[in-house]
Amino acid sequence: MIETVIRKRIEILADTPLVKVVTKAIDEAGITGWTVLPVQSGSGRDGAWREERVTGSDKSLILTVASQERAEKLSEALAPILSSHGLLLTMWDVEVIRGERF
């Protein structure tokens, strides 16, 4: 049987111009990898929205996996801009193989 360990999967929905701010915070938290995915549309408290590159309001999803300690460090770093910049940060426990990589 393959051994797994528990890590935190973290997803951050942000306006695309903020991706560099978020990925810098990920790097500074000591998390070794991340992925950025384009988001085409969605719906939230303010209603439906669609990607709009002309006005610069397109969104991206930044995905990473980290230890509990590093996940906490990242969430503390991003906490001051979560509301002011409209970020959505979610995290939950996942089982990973090769846990030493995260």
Protein backbone atom coordinates (compact mmCIF):
# COMPACT_ATOMS: atom_id res chain seq x y z
CA MET A 1 0.00 0.00 0.00
CA ILE A 2 1.23 3.49 -0.86
CA GLU A 3 1.66 5.79 2.11
CA THR A 4 -0.01 9.17 2.02
CA VAL A 5 0.27 12.23 4.24
CA ILE A 6 -2.16 15.05 4.92
CA ARG A 7 -1.42 18.43 3.39
CA LYS A 8 -3.49 21.57 2.71
CA ARG A 9 -4.82 22.21 -0.80
CA ILE A 10 -5.15 25.96 -1.21
CA GLU A 11 -7.12 27.73 -3.92
CA ILE A 12 -7.11 31.49 -4.32
CA LEU A 13 -9.47 33.24 -6.74
CA ALA A 14 -8.08 36.66 -7.62
CA ASP A 15 -8.22 39.31 -10.30
CA THR A 16 -5.50 38.39 -12.78
CA PRO A 17 -3.46 41.57 -12.15
CA LEU A 18 -2.99 40.32 -8.55
CA VAL A 19 -1.49 36.95 -9.52
CA LYS A 20 2.08 38.19 -9.00
CA VAL A 21 1.20 39.45 -5.51
CA VAL A 22 -0.32 36.08 -4.59
CA THR A 23 2.47 33.96 -6.08
CA LYS A 24 5.08 36.11 -4.35
CA ALA A 25 3.30 35.47 -1.03
CA ILE A 26 3.26 31.74 -1.82
CA ASP A 27 7.00 31.79 -2.51
CA GLU A 28 7.71 33.81 0.65
CA ALA A 29 5.70 31.31 2.73
CA GLY A 30 8.20 28.65 1.65
CA ILE A 31 5.74 26.81 -0.57
CA THR A 32 7.66 25.29 -3.46
CA GLY A 33 5.09 25.24 -6.24
CA TRP A 34 1.90 26.73 -7.57
CA THR A 35 -0.29 26.66 -10.67
CA VAL A 36 -2.29 29.52 -12.21
CA LEU A 37 -5.46 28.70 -14.13
CA PRO A 38 -7.61 31.15 -16.11
CA VAL A 39 -11.23 31.51 -14.98
CA GLN A 40 -13.82 32.32 -17.63
CA SER A 41 -16.93 33.11 -15.59
CA GLY A 42 -18.69 32.64 -12.29
CA SER A 43 -21.30 33.92 -9.92
CA GLY A 44 -21.06 35.27 -6.41
CA ARG A 45 -22.67 37.61 -3.94
CA ASP A 46 -22.63 40.42 -6.50
CA GLY A 47 -24.12 38.22 -9.25
CA ALA A 48 -22.77 36.63 -12.40
CA TRP A 49 -19.56 37.80 -14.06
CA ARG A 50 -17.59 36.89 -17.16
CA GLU A 51 -13.95 37.24 -18.11
CA GLU A 52 -13.34 40.75 -19.41
CA ARG A 53 -9.79 41.31 -20.59
CA VAL A 54 -10.58 44.71 -22.07
CA THR A 55 -11.39 46.22 -18.66
CA GLY A 56 -8.83 44.11 -16.82
CA SER A 57 -11.38 42.34 -14.64
CA ASP A 58 -10.49 38.81 -15.70
CA LYS A 59 -9.83 36.34 -12.89
CA SER A 60 -7.36 33.55 -12.20
CA LEU A 61 -7.33 30.60 -9.82
CA ILE A 62 -4.02 30.00 -8.08
CA LEU A 63 -3.63 26.46 -6.77
CA THR A 64 -1.00 25.12 -4.40
CA VAL A 65 -0.46 22.35 -1.84
CA ALA A 66 1.43 22.92 1.40
CA SER A 67 2.06 21.74 4.92
CA GLN A 68 -0.21 23.06 7.67
CA GLU A 69 2.54 25.41 8.87
CA ARG A 70 3.20 26.92 5.45
CA ALA A 71 -0.52 27.16 4.67
CA GLU A 72 -1.02 29.18 7.85
CA LYS A 73 1.91 31.43 6.96
CA LEU A 74 0.38 32.07 3.52
CA SER A 75 -3.11 32.78 4.87
CA GLU A 76 -1.67 35.23 7.41
CA ALA A 77 0.27 37.01 4.65
CA LEU A 78 -2.83 37.33 2.44
CA ALA A 79 -5.31 38.17 5.23
CA PRO A 80 -4.83 41.95 4.97
CA ILE A 81 -5.86 42.00 1.28
CA LEU A 82 -8.58 39.33 1.23
CA SER A 83 -11.43 41.81 1.60
CA SER A 84 -9.86 44.92 0.12
CA HIS A 85 -8.89 43.12 -3.09
CA GLY A 86 -11.79 40.69 -3.27
CA LEU A 87 -9.73 37.50 -2.97
CA LEU A 88 -11.40 34.19 -2.20
CA LEU A 89 -9.10 31.80 -0.31
CA THR A 90 -10.17 28.23 0.42
CA MET A 91 -8.17 25.38 1.89
CA TRP A 92 -8.88 21.86 2.95
CA ASP A 93 -7.07 18.67 3.89
CA VAL A 94 -5.96 16.35 1.09
CA GLU A 95 -3.95 13.16 1.04
CA VAL A 96 -0.80 13.31 -1.06
CA ILE A 97 1.85 10.84 -2.08
CA ARG A 98 5.44 12.06 -1.64
CA GLY A 99 4.48 14.43 1.15
CA GLU A 100 8.07 15.61 1.58
CA ARG A 101 7.61 17.61 -1.63
CA PHE A 102 4.96 19.83 -0.03
